[in-house]
PDB file of all heavy atoms in Angstrom:
ATOM      1  N   THR A   1      12.265  14.873  14.343  1.00  0.00           N
ATOM      2  CA  THR A   1      11.639  13.613  14.134  1.00  0.00           C
ATOM      3  C   THR A   1      12.584  12.559  14.678  1.00  0.00           C
ATOM      4  O   THR A   1      13.808  12.537  14.481  1.00  0.00           O
ATOM      5  CB  THR A   1      11.442  13.254  12.627  1.00  0.00           C
ATOM      6  OG1 THR A   1      10.698  14.363  12.074  1.00  0.00           O
ATOM      7  CG2 THR A   1      10.795  12.009  12.401  1.00  0.00           C
ATOM      8  N   VAL A   2      12.060  11.640  15.439  1.00  0.00           N
ATOM      9  CA  VAL A   2      12.834  10.534  16.047  1.00  0.00           C
ATOM     10  C   VAL A   2      12.960   9.371  15.043  1.00  0.00           C
ATOM     11  O   VAL A   2      12.032   9.044  14.303  1.00  0.00           O
ATOM     12  CB  VAL A   2      12.177  10.001  17.308  1.00  0.00           C
ATOM     13  CG1 VAL A   2      12.870   8.886  17.929  1.00  0.00           C
ATOM     14  CG2 VAL A   2      11.978  11.172  18.317  1.00  0.00           C
ATOM     15  N   GLN A   3      14.151   8.807  14.919  1.00  0.00           N
ATOM     16  CA  GLN A   3      14.419   7.850  13.908  1.00  0.00           C
ATOM     17  C   GLN A   3      13.495   6.629  14.138  1.00  0.00           C
ATOM     18  O   GLN A   3      13.028   6.053  13.093  1.00  0.00           O
ATOM     19  CB  GLN A   3      15.840   7.278  14.070  1.00  0.00           C
ATOM     20  CG  GLN A   3      16.881   8.268  13.522  1.00  0.00           C
ATOM     21  CD  GLN A   3      18.325   7.946  13.738  1.00  0.00           C
ATOM     22  OE1 GLN A   3      18.745   7.932  14.891  1.00  0.00           O
ATOM     23  NE2 GLN A   3      19.008   7.581  12.725  1.00  0.00           N
ATOM     24  N   SER A   4      13.114   6.256  15.287  1.00  0.00           N
ATOM     25  CA  SER A   4      12.209   5.096  15.490  1.00  0.00           C
ATOM     26  C   SER A   4      10.883   5.400  14.963  1.00  0.00           C
ATOM     27  O   SER A   4      10.131   4.503  14.410  1.00  0.00           O
ATOM     28  CB  SER A   4      12.167   4.710  16.957  1.00  0.00           C
ATOM     29  OG  SER A   4      11.585   5.748  17.742  1.00  0.00           O
ATOM     30  N   ASP A   5      10.395   6.656  15.005  1.00  0.00           N
ATOM     31  CA  ASP A   5       9.149   7.110  14.432  1.00  0.00           C
ATOM     32  C   ASP A   5       9.190   6.905  12.860  1.00  0.00           C
ATOM     33  O   ASP A   5       8.176   6.437  12.286  1.00  0.00           O
ATOM     34  CB  ASP A   5       8.834   8.525  14.758  1.00  0.00           C
ATOM     35  CG  ASP A   5       8.511   8.737  16.219  1.00  0.00           C
ATOM     36  OD1 ASP A   5       8.188   7.787  16.903  1.00  0.00           O
ATOM     37  OD2 ASP A   5       8.612   9.935  16.641  1.00  0.00           O
ATOM     38  N   LEU A   6      10.295   7.282  12.272  1.00  0.00           N
ATOM     39  CA  LEU A   6      10.396   7.101  10.852  1.00  0.00           C
ATOM     40  C   LEU A   6      10.443   5.615  10.451  1.00  0.00           C
ATOM     41  O   LEU A   6       9.778   5.194   9.482  1.00  0.00           O
ATOM     42  CB  LEU A   6      11.727   7.714  10.311  1.00  0.00           C
ATOM     43  CG  LEU A   6      11.691   9.251  10.180  1.00  0.00           C
ATOM     44  CD1 LEU A   6      13.087   9.781   9.981  1.00  0.00           C
ATOM     45  CD2 LEU A   6      10.727   9.647   9.040  1.00  0.00           C
ATOM     46  N   GLU A   7      11.129   4.823  11.213  1.00  0.00           N
ATOM     47  CA  GLU A   7      11.157   3.353  10.992  1.00  0.00           C
ATOM     48  C   GLU A   7       9.721   2.787  11.046  1.00  0.00           C
ATOM     49  O   GLU A   7       9.348   1.901  10.248  1.00  0.00           O
ATOM     50  CB  GLU A   7      12.117   2.671  11.917  1.00  0.00           C
ATOM     51  CG  GLU A   7      13.552   3.038  11.630  1.00  0.00           C
ATOM     52  CD  GLU A   7      14.537   2.699  12.769  1.00  0.00           C
ATOM     53  OE1 GLU A   7      14.057   2.256  13.868  1.00  0.00           O
ATOM     54  OE2 GLU A   7      15.697   2.694  12.515  1.00  0.00           O
ATOM     55  N   LYS A   8       8.955   3.220  12.081  1.00  0.00           N
ATOM     56  CA  LYS A   8       7.558   2.686  12.200  1.00  0.00           C
ATOM     57  C   LYS A   8       6.659   3.173  10.965  1.00  0.00           C
ATOM     58  O   LYS A   8       5.967   2.384  10.469  1.00  0.00           O
ATOM     59  CB  LYS A   8       6.945   3.225  13.487  1.00  0.00           C
ATOM     60  CG  LYS A   8       7.482   2.630  14.718  1.00  0.00           C
ATOM     61  CD  LYS A   8       6.827   3.255  15.935  1.00  0.00           C
ATOM     62  CE  LYS A   8       7.516   2.836  17.204  1.00  0.00           C
ATOM     63  NZ  LYS A   8       7.036   3.650  18.382  1.00  0.00           N
ATOM     64  N   ALA A   9       6.906   4.427  10.610  1.00  0.00           N
ATOM     65  CA  ALA A   9       6.139   4.972   9.460  1.00  0.00           C
ATOM     66  C   ALA A   9       6.479   4.168   8.199  1.00  0.00           C
ATOM     67  O   ALA A   9       5.560   3.866   7.356  1.00  0.00           O
ATOM     68  CB  ALA A   9       6.370   6.407   9.270  1.00  0.00           C
ATOM     69  N   ILE A  10       7.738   3.847   8.007  1.00  0.00           N
ATOM     70  CA  ILE A  10       8.210   3.114   6.839  1.00  0.00           C
ATOM     71  C   ILE A  10       7.529   1.761   6.868  1.00  0.00           C
ATOM     72  O   ILE A  10       7.003   1.225   5.839  1.00  0.00           O
ATOM     73  CB  ILE A  10       9.698   3.013   6.739  1.00  0.00           C
ATOM     74  CG1 ILE A  10      10.299   4.366   6.377  1.00  0.00           C
ATOM     75  CG2 ILE A  10      10.153   1.997   5.660  1.00  0.00           C
ATOM     76  CD1 ILE A  10      11.758   4.543   6.644  1.00  0.00           C
ATOM     77  N   ALA A  11       7.599   1.068   8.012  1.00  0.00           N
ATOM     78  CA  ALA A  11       6.955  -0.278   8.217  1.00  0.00           C
ATOM     79  C   ALA A  11       5.507  -0.241   7.810  1.00  0.00           C
ATOM     80  O   ALA A  11       4.948  -1.134   7.144  1.00  0.00           O
ATOM     81  CB  ALA A  11       7.246  -0.829   9.511  1.00  0.00           C
ATOM     82  N   TYR A  12       4.811   0.801   8.370  1.00  0.00           N
ATOM     83  CA  TYR A  12       3.327   0.879   8.093  1.00  0.00           C
ATOM     84  C   TYR A  12       3.072   1.095   6.632  1.00  0.00           C
ATOM     85  O   TYR A  12       2.166   0.463   6.034  1.00  0.00           O
ATOM     86  CB  TYR A  12       2.701   2.005   8.831  1.00  0.00           C
ATOM     87  CG  TYR A  12       2.653   1.753  10.384  1.00  0.00           C
ATOM     88  CD1 TYR A  12       2.976   2.773  11.269  1.00  0.00           C
ATOM     89  CD2 TYR A  12       2.143   0.589  10.872  1.00  0.00           C
ATOM     90  CE1 TYR A  12       2.903   2.518  12.660  1.00  0.00           C
ATOM     91  CE2 TYR A  12       2.098   0.338  12.235  1.00  0.00           C
ATOM     92  CZ  TYR A  12       2.444   1.308  13.139  1.00  0.00           C
ATOM     93  OH  TYR A  12       2.352   1.104  14.493  1.00  0.00           O
ATOM     94  N   CYS A  13       3.901   1.951   5.956  1.00  0.00           N
ATOM     95  CA  CYS A  13       3.713   2.202   4.589  1.00  0.00           C
ATOM     96  C   CYS A  13       4.015   0.892   3.770  1.00  0.00           C
ATOM     97  O   CYS A  13       3.254   0.701   2.744  1.00  0.00           O
ATOM     98  CB  CYS A  13       4.622   3.335   4.124  1.00  0.00           C
ATOM     99  SG  CYS A  13       4.080   4.945   4.628  1.00  0.00           S
ATOM    100  N   GLU A  14       5.039   0.191   4.097  1.00  0.00           N
ATOM    101  CA  GLU A  14       5.326  -1.058   3.415  1.00  0.00           C
ATOM    102  C   GLU A  14       4.146  -2.030   3.524  1.00  0.00           C
ATOM    103  O   GLU A  14       3.748  -2.696   2.541  1.00  0.00           O
ATOM    104  CB  GLU A  14       6.598  -1.608   3.991  1.00  0.00           C
ATOM    105  CG  GLU A  14       7.833  -0.955   3.596  1.00  0.00           C
ATOM    106  CD  GLU A  14       8.339  -1.043   2.150  1.00  0.00           C
ATOM    107  OE1 GLU A  14       7.638  -1.834   1.370  1.00  0.00           O
ATOM    108  OE2 GLU A  14       9.283  -0.465   1.769  1.00  0.00           O
ATOM    109  N   ALA A  15       3.566  -2.208   4.739  1.00  0.00           N
ATOM    110  CA  ALA A  15       2.482  -3.046   4.950  1.00  0.00           C
ATOM    111  C   ALA A  15       1.255  -2.579   4.126  1.00  0.00           C
ATOM    112  O   ALA A  15       0.547  -3.410   3.439  1.00  0.00           O
ATOM    113  CB  ALA A  15       2.108  -3.105   6.360  1.00  0.00           C
ATOM    114  N   THR A  16       0.970  -1.310   4.078  1.00  0.00           N
ATOM    115  CA  THR A  16      -0.161  -0.818   3.328  1.00  0.00           C
ATOM    116  C   THR A  16       0.066  -0.970   1.840  1.00  0.00           C
ATOM    117  O   THR A  16      -0.799  -1.371   1.024  1.00  0.00           O
ATOM    118  CB  THR A  16      -0.407   0.722   3.681  1.00  0.00           C
ATOM    119  OG1 THR A  16      -0.537   0.747   5.030  1.00  0.00           O
ATOM    120  CG2 THR A  16      -1.559   1.217   2.937  1.00  0.00           C
ATOM    121  N   LYS A  17       1.303  -0.758   1.407  1.00  0.00           N
ATOM    122  CA  LYS A  17       1.643  -0.951  -0.050  1.00  0.00           C
ATOM    123  C   LYS A  17       1.375  -2.411  -0.441  1.00  0.00           C
ATOM    124  O   LYS A  17       0.772  -2.658  -1.508  1.00  0.00           O
ATOM    125  CB  LYS A  17       3.145  -0.607  -0.249  1.00  0.00           C
ATOM    126  CG  LYS A  17       3.579  -0.677  -1.734  1.00  0.00           C
ATOM    127  CD  LYS A  17       4.962  -0.235  -1.916  1.00  0.00           C
ATOM    128  CE  LYS A  17       5.866  -1.398  -1.726  1.00  0.00           C
ATOM    129  NZ  LYS A  17       7.323  -1.185  -2.105  1.00  0.00           N
ATOM    130  N   GLY A  18       1.689  -3.325   0.456  1.00  0.00           N
ATOM    131  CA  GLY A  18       1.395  -4.789   0.221  1.00  0.00           C
ATOM    132  C   GLY A  18      -0.111  -5.052   0.108  1.00  0.00           C
ATOM    133  O   GLY A  18      -0.529  -5.832  -0.688  1.00  0.00           O
ATOM    134  N   THR A  19      -0.860  -4.398   0.993  1.00  0.00           N
ATOM    135  CA  THR A  19      -2.257  -4.536   0.943  1.00  0.00           C
ATOM    136  C   THR A  19      -2.828  -4.050  -0.343  1.00  0.00           C
ATOM    137  O   THR A  19      -3.671  -4.662  -0.911  1.00  0.00           O
ATOM    138  CB  THR A  19      -2.894  -3.801   2.183  1.00  0.00           C
ATOM    139  OG1 THR A  19      -2.346  -4.368   3.414  1.00  0.00           O
ATOM    140  CG2 THR A  19      -4.359  -3.933   2.185  1.00  0.00           C
ATOM    141  N   TYR A  20      -2.404  -2.895  -0.750  1.00  0.00           N
ATOM    142  CA  TYR A  20      -2.922  -2.335  -2.020  1.00  0.00           C
ATOM    143  C   TYR A  20      -2.542  -3.219  -3.231  1.00  0.00           C
ATOM    144  O   TYR A  20      -3.340  -3.447  -4.123  1.00  0.00           O
ATOM    145  CB  TYR A  20      -2.282  -0.933  -2.337  1.00  0.00           C
ATOM    146  CG  TYR A  20      -2.837   0.174  -1.405  1.00  0.00           C
ATOM    147  CD1 TYR A  20      -2.053   1.328  -1.134  1.00  0.00           C
ATOM    148  CD2 TYR A  20      -4.026   0.022  -0.759  1.00  0.00           C
ATOM    149  CE1 TYR A  20      -2.513   2.364  -0.380  1.00  0.00           C
ATOM    150  CE2 TYR A  20      -4.571   1.097   0.096  1.00  0.00           C
ATOM    151  CZ  TYR A  20      -3.767   2.245   0.211  1.00  0.00           C
ATOM    152  OH  TYR A  20      -4.262   3.228   1.093  1.00  0.00           O
ATOM    153  N   ALA A  21      -1.368  -3.771  -3.202  1.00  0.00           N
ATOM    154  CA  ALA A  21      -0.958  -4.756  -4.226  1.00  0.00           C
ATOM    155  C   ALA A  21      -1.829  -5.944  -4.229  1.00  0.00           C
ATOM    156  O   ALA A  21      -2.335  -6.378  -5.359  1.00  0.00           O
ATOM    157  CB  ALA A  21       0.495  -5.140  -4.092  1.00  0.00           C
ATOM    158  N   LEU A  22      -2.149  -6.451  -3.082  1.00  0.00           N
ATOM    159  CA  LEU A  22      -3.002  -7.602  -2.948  1.00  0.00           C
ATOM    160  C   LEU A  22      -4.435  -7.322  -3.404  1.00  0.00           C
ATOM    161  O   LEU A  22      -5.051  -8.031  -4.252  1.00  0.00           O
ATOM    162  CB  LEU A  22      -3.143  -8.127  -1.565  1.00  0.00           C
ATOM    163  CG  LEU A  22      -3.896  -9.327  -1.267  1.00  0.00           C
ATOM    164  CD1 LEU A  22      -3.435 -10.580  -2.007  1.00  0.00           C
ATOM    165  CD2 LEU A  22      -3.952  -9.587   0.281  1.00  0.00           C
ATOM    166  N   MET A  23      -4.960  -6.153  -3.099  1.00  0.00           N
ATOM    167  CA  MET A  23      -6.203  -5.715  -3.489  1.00  0.00           C
ATOM    168  C   MET A  23      -6.315  -5.492  -5.034  1.00  0.00           C
ATOM    169  O   MET A  23      -7.309  -5.899  -5.644  1.00  0.00           O
ATOM    170  CB  MET A  23      -6.577  -4.402  -2.761  1.00  0.00           C
ATOM    171  CG  MET A  23      -6.774  -4.619  -1.293  1.00  0.00           C
ATOM    172  SD  MET A  23      -6.927  -3.065  -0.330  1.00  0.00           S
ATOM    173  CE  MET A  23      -8.622  -2.620  -0.674  1.00  0.00           C
ATOM    174  N   SER A  24      -5.248  -4.961  -5.594  1.00  0.00           N
ATOM    175  CA  SER A  24      -5.224  -4.744  -7.020  1.00  0.00           C
ATOM    176  C   SER A  24      -5.287  -6.128  -7.767  1.00  0.00           C
ATOM    177  O   SER A  24      -5.963  -6.291  -8.779  1.00  0.00           O
ATOM    178  CB  SER A  24      -3.959  -4.001  -7.415  1.00  0.00           C
ATOM    179  OG  SER A  24      -3.777  -3.997  -8.782  1.00  0.00           O
ATOM    180  N   HIS A  25      -4.513  -7.012  -7.210  1.00  0.00           N
ATOM    181  CA  HIS A  25      -4.430  -8.327  -7.785  1.00  0.00           C
ATOM    182  C   HIS A  25      -5.699  -9.109  -7.630  1.00  0.00           C
ATOM    183  O   HIS A  25      -6.092  -9.912  -8.517  1.00  0.00           O
ATOM    184  CB  HIS A  25      -3.278  -9.186  -7.171  1.00  0.00           C
ATOM    185  CG  HIS A  25      -3.107 -10.540  -7.667  1.00  0.00           C
ATOM    186  ND1 HIS A  25      -2.535 -10.745  -8.972  1.00  0.00           N
ATOM    187  CD2 HIS A  25      -3.382 -11.731  -7.146  1.00  0.00           C
ATOM    188  CE1 HIS A  25      -2.528 -12.059  -9.182  1.00  0.00           C
ATOM    189  NE2 HIS A  25      -3.075 -12.716  -8.024  1.00  0.00           N
ATOM    190  N   SER A  26      -6.466  -8.854  -6.558  1.00  0.00           N
ATOM    191  CA  SER A  26      -7.670  -9.617  -6.255  1.00  0.00           C
ATOM    192  C   SER A  26      -8.949  -9.178  -7.009  1.00  0.00           C
ATOM    193  O   SER A  26      -9.886  -9.945  -7.114  1.00  0.00           O
ATOM    194  CB  SER A  26      -8.010  -9.554  -4.760  1.00  0.00           C
ATOM    195  OG  SER A  26      -6.883 -10.192  -4.015  1.00  0.00           O
ATOM    196  N   THR A  27      -8.890  -7.899  -7.465  1.00  0.00           N
ATOM    197  CA  THR A  27     -10.129  -7.403  -8.063  1.00  0.00           C
ATOM    198  C   THR A  27     -10.098  -7.652  -9.582  1.00  0.00           C
ATOM    199  O   THR A  27      -9.037  -7.689 -10.233  1.00  0.00           O
ATOM    200  CB  THR A  27     -10.332  -5.872  -7.784  1.00  0.00           C
ATOM    201  OG1 THR A  27     -11.597  -5.483  -8.264  1.00  0.00           O
ATOM    202  CG2 THR A  27      -9.256  -5.064  -8.425  1.00  0.00           C
ATOM    203  N   GLU A  28     -11.249  -7.788 -10.142  1.00  0.00           N
ATOM    204  CA  GLU A  28     -11.451  -7.883 -11.622  1.00  0.00           C
ATOM    205  C   GLU A  28     -11.850  -6.541 -12.168  1.00  0.00           C
ATOM    206  O   GLU A  28     -11.908  -6.376 -13.373  1.00  0.00           O
ATOM    207  CB  GLU A  28     -12.435  -8.974 -11.959  1.00  0.00           C
ATOM    208  CG  GLU A  28     -11.873 -10.362 -11.577  1.00  0.00           C
ATOM    209  CD  GLU A  28     -12.858 -11.447 -11.943  1.00  0.00           C
ATOM    210  OE1 GLU A  28     -13.745 -11.276 -12.774  1.00  0.00           O
ATOM    211  OE2 GLU A  28     -12.682 -12.590 -11.454  1.00  0.00           O
ATOM    212  N   ASP A  29     -12.180  -5.579 -11.335  1.00  0.00           N
ATOM    213  CA  ASP A  29     -12.698  -4.273 -11.763  1.00  0.00           C
ATOM    214  C   ASP A  29     -11.416  -3.484 -12.224  1.00  0.00           C
ATOM    215  O   ASP A  29     -10.536  -3.127 -11.328  1.00  0.00           O
ATOM    216  CB  ASP A  29     -13.378  -3.519 -10.560  1.00  0.00           C
ATOM    217  CG  ASP A  29     -13.936  -2.198 -10.884  1.00  0.00           C
ATOM    218  OD1 ASP A  29     -13.319  -1.511 -11.818  1.00  0.00           O
ATOM    219  OD2 ASP A  29     -14.795  -1.698 -10.224  1.00  0.00           O
ATOM    220  N   GLN A  30     -11.284  -3.197 -13.466  1.00  0.00           N
ATOM    221  CA  GLN A  30     -10.073  -2.568 -13.996  1.00  0.00           C
ATOM    222  C   GLN A  30      -9.877  -1.147 -13.394  1.00  0.00           C
ATOM    223  O   GLN A  30      -8.748  -0.810 -13.099  1.00  0.00           O
ATOM    224  CB  GLN A  30     -10.194  -2.440 -15.520  1.00  0.00           C
ATOM    225  CG  GLN A  30      -8.918  -2.021 -16.180  1.00  0.00           C
ATOM    226  CD  GLN A  30      -7.666  -3.024 -15.892  1.00  0.00           C
ATOM    227  OE1 GLN A  30      -7.905  -4.221 -15.837  1.00  0.00           O
ATOM    228  NE2 GLN A  30      -6.510  -2.462 -15.714  1.00  0.00           N
ATOM    229  N   GLN A  31     -10.931  -0.420 -13.134  1.00  0.00           N
ATOM    230  CA  GLN A  31     -10.849   0.954 -12.627  1.00  0.00           C
ATOM    231  C   GLN A  31     -10.319   0.897 -11.220  1.00  0.00           C
ATOM    232  O   GLN A  31      -9.405   1.636 -10.769  1.00  0.00           O
ATOM    233  CB  GLN A  31     -12.104   1.662 -12.629  1.00  0.00           C
ATOM    234  CG  GLN A  31     -12.094   3.143 -12.333  1.00  0.00           C
ATOM    235  CD  GLN A  31     -13.389   3.860 -12.597  1.00  0.00           C
ATOM    236  OE1 GLN A  31     -14.444   3.153 -12.732  1.00  0.00           O
ATOM    237  NE2 GLN A  31     -13.332   5.165 -12.562  1.00  0.00           N
ATOM    238  N   ALA A  32     -10.799  -0.095 -10.459  1.00  0.00           N
ATOM    239  CA  ALA A  32     -10.313  -0.246  -8.994  1.00  0.00           C
ATOM    240  C   ALA A  32      -8.849  -0.791  -9.006  1.00  0.00           C
ATOM    241  O   ALA A  32      -8.051  -0.286  -8.221  1.00  0.00           O
ATOM    242  CB  ALA A  32     -11.178  -1.299  -8.275  1.00  0.00           C
ATOM    243  N   LYS A  33      -8.528  -1.699  -9.945  1.00  0.00           N
ATOM    244  CA  LYS A  33      -7.200  -2.172 -10.087  1.00  0.00           C
ATOM    245  C   LYS A  33      -6.184  -1.062 -10.302  1.00  0.00           C
ATOM    246  O   LYS A  33      -5.133  -0.929  -9.700  1.00  0.00           O
ATOM    247  CB  LYS A  33      -7.082  -3.183 -11.250  1.00  0.00           C
ATOM    248  CG  LYS A  33      -5.796  -3.912 -11.366  1.00  0.00           C
ATOM    249  CD  LYS A  33      -5.823  -4.879 -12.469  1.00  0.00           C
ATOM    250  CE  LYS A  33      -6.645  -6.090 -12.259  1.00  0.00           C
ATOM    251  NZ  LYS A  33      -6.122  -7.041 -11.329  1.00  0.00           N
ATOM    252  N   GLU A  34      -6.553  -0.107 -11.239  1.00  0.00           N
ATOM    253  CA  GLU A  34      -5.734   1.008 -11.574  1.00  0.00           C
ATOM    254  C   GLU A  34      -5.543   1.964 -10.380  1.00  0.00           C
ATOM    255  O   GLU A  34      -4.475   2.470 -10.083  1.00  0.00           O
ATOM    256  CB  GLU A  34      -6.232   1.822 -12.786  1.00  0.00           C
ATOM    257  CG  GLU A  34      -6.073   1.010 -14.024  1.00  0.00           C
ATOM    258  CD  GLU A  34      -6.760   1.729 -15.220  1.00  0.00           C
ATOM    259  OE1 GLU A  34      -7.182   2.904 -15.144  1.00  0.00           O
ATOM    260  OE2 GLU A  34      -6.971   1.057 -16.286  1.00  0.00           O
ATOM    261  N   MET A  35      -6.647   2.175  -9.660  1.00  0.00           N
ATOM    262  CA  MET A  35      -6.615   3.025  -8.458  1.00  0.00           C
ATOM    263  C   MET A  35      -5.671   2.449  -7.370  1.00  0.00           C
ATOM    264  O   MET A  35      -4.892   3.119  -6.772  1.00  0.00           O
ATOM    265  CB  MET A  35      -7.991   3.267  -7.909  1.00  0.00           C
ATOM    266  CG  MET A  35      -8.073   4.172  -6.673  1.00  0.00           C
ATOM    267  SD  MET A  35      -7.373   5.755  -6.957  1.00  0.00           S
ATOM    268  CE  MET A  35      -8.693   6.479  -7.977  1.00  0.00           C
ATOM    269  N   PHE A  36      -5.838   1.144  -7.071  1.00  0.00           N
ATOM    270  CA  PHE A  36      -4.930   0.527  -6.095  1.00  0.00           C
ATOM    271  C   PHE A  36      -3.469   0.597  -6.483  1.00  0.00           C
ATOM    272  O   PHE A  36      -2.606   0.862  -5.706  1.00  0.00           O
ATOM    273  CB  PHE A  36      -5.377  -0.935  -5.861  1.00  0.00           C
ATOM    274  CG  PHE A  36      -6.661  -1.112  -5.074  1.00  0.00           C
ATOM    275  CD1 PHE A  36      -7.679  -1.951  -5.599  1.00  0.00           C
ATOM    276  CD2 PHE A  36      -6.925  -0.426  -3.930  1.00  0.00           C
ATOM    277  CE1 PHE A  36      -8.881  -2.026  -4.945  1.00  0.00           C
ATOM    278  CE2 PHE A  36      -8.093  -0.519  -3.244  1.00  0.00           C
ATOM    279  CZ  PHE A  36      -9.066  -1.392  -3.773  1.00  0.00           C
ATOM    280  N   ASN A  37      -3.308   0.413  -7.816  1.00  0.00           N
ATOM    281  CA  ASN A  37      -1.853   0.518  -8.290  1.00  0.00           C
ATOM    282  C   ASN A  37      -1.278   1.935  -8.186  1.00  0.00           C
ATOM    283  O   ASN A  37      -0.164   2.092  -7.807  1.00  0.00           O
ATOM    284  CB  ASN A  37      -1.730   0.022  -9.694  1.00  0.00           C
ATOM    285  CG  ASN A  37      -1.797  -1.453  -9.786  1.00  0.00           C
ATOM    286  OD1 ASN A  37      -1.366  -2.204  -8.933  1.00  0.00           O
ATOM    287  ND2 ASN A  37      -2.315  -2.089 -10.906  1.00  0.00           N
ATOM    288  N   MET A  38      -2.202   2.933  -8.371  1.00  0.00           N
ATOM    289  CA  MET A  38      -1.749   4.276  -8.264  1.00  0.00           C
ATOM    290  C   MET A  38      -1.501   4.609  -6.794  1.00  0.00           C
ATOM    291  O   MET A  38      -0.493   5.317  -6.494  1.00  0.00           O
ATOM    292  CB  MET A  38      -2.897   5.266  -8.783  1.00  0.00           C
ATOM    293  CG  MET A  38      -2.426   6.625  -9.096  1.00  0.00           C
ATOM    294  SD  MET A  38      -3.495   7.590 -10.156  1.00  0.00           S
ATOM    295  CE  MET A  38      -5.138   7.139  -9.641  1.00  0.00           C
ATOM    296  N   MET A  39      -2.293   4.106  -5.926  1.00  0.00           N
ATOM    297  CA  MET A  39      -2.129   4.301  -4.484  1.00  0.00           C
ATOM    298  C   MET A  39      -0.815   3.655  -4.020  1.00  0.00           C
ATOM    299  O   MET A  39      -0.086   4.233  -3.211  1.00  0.00           O
ATOM    300  CB  MET A  39      -3.356   3.796  -3.718  1.00  0.00           C
ATOM    301  CG  MET A  39      -4.584   4.659  -3.941  1.00  0.00           C
ATOM    302  SD  MET A  39      -6.150   3.877  -3.479  1.00  0.00           S
ATOM    303  CE  MET A  39      -5.926   3.587  -1.754  1.00  0.00           C
TER     304      MET A  39
END
């Protein structure tokens, strides 16, 4: 594995994690909120 590939993967995961946090915060559906937090 190339270090730059890992750095890219980490950056993508961090961005996706932020998206899930935003989605969890934005929904009023408790089941969806829990799922986004679990993801």
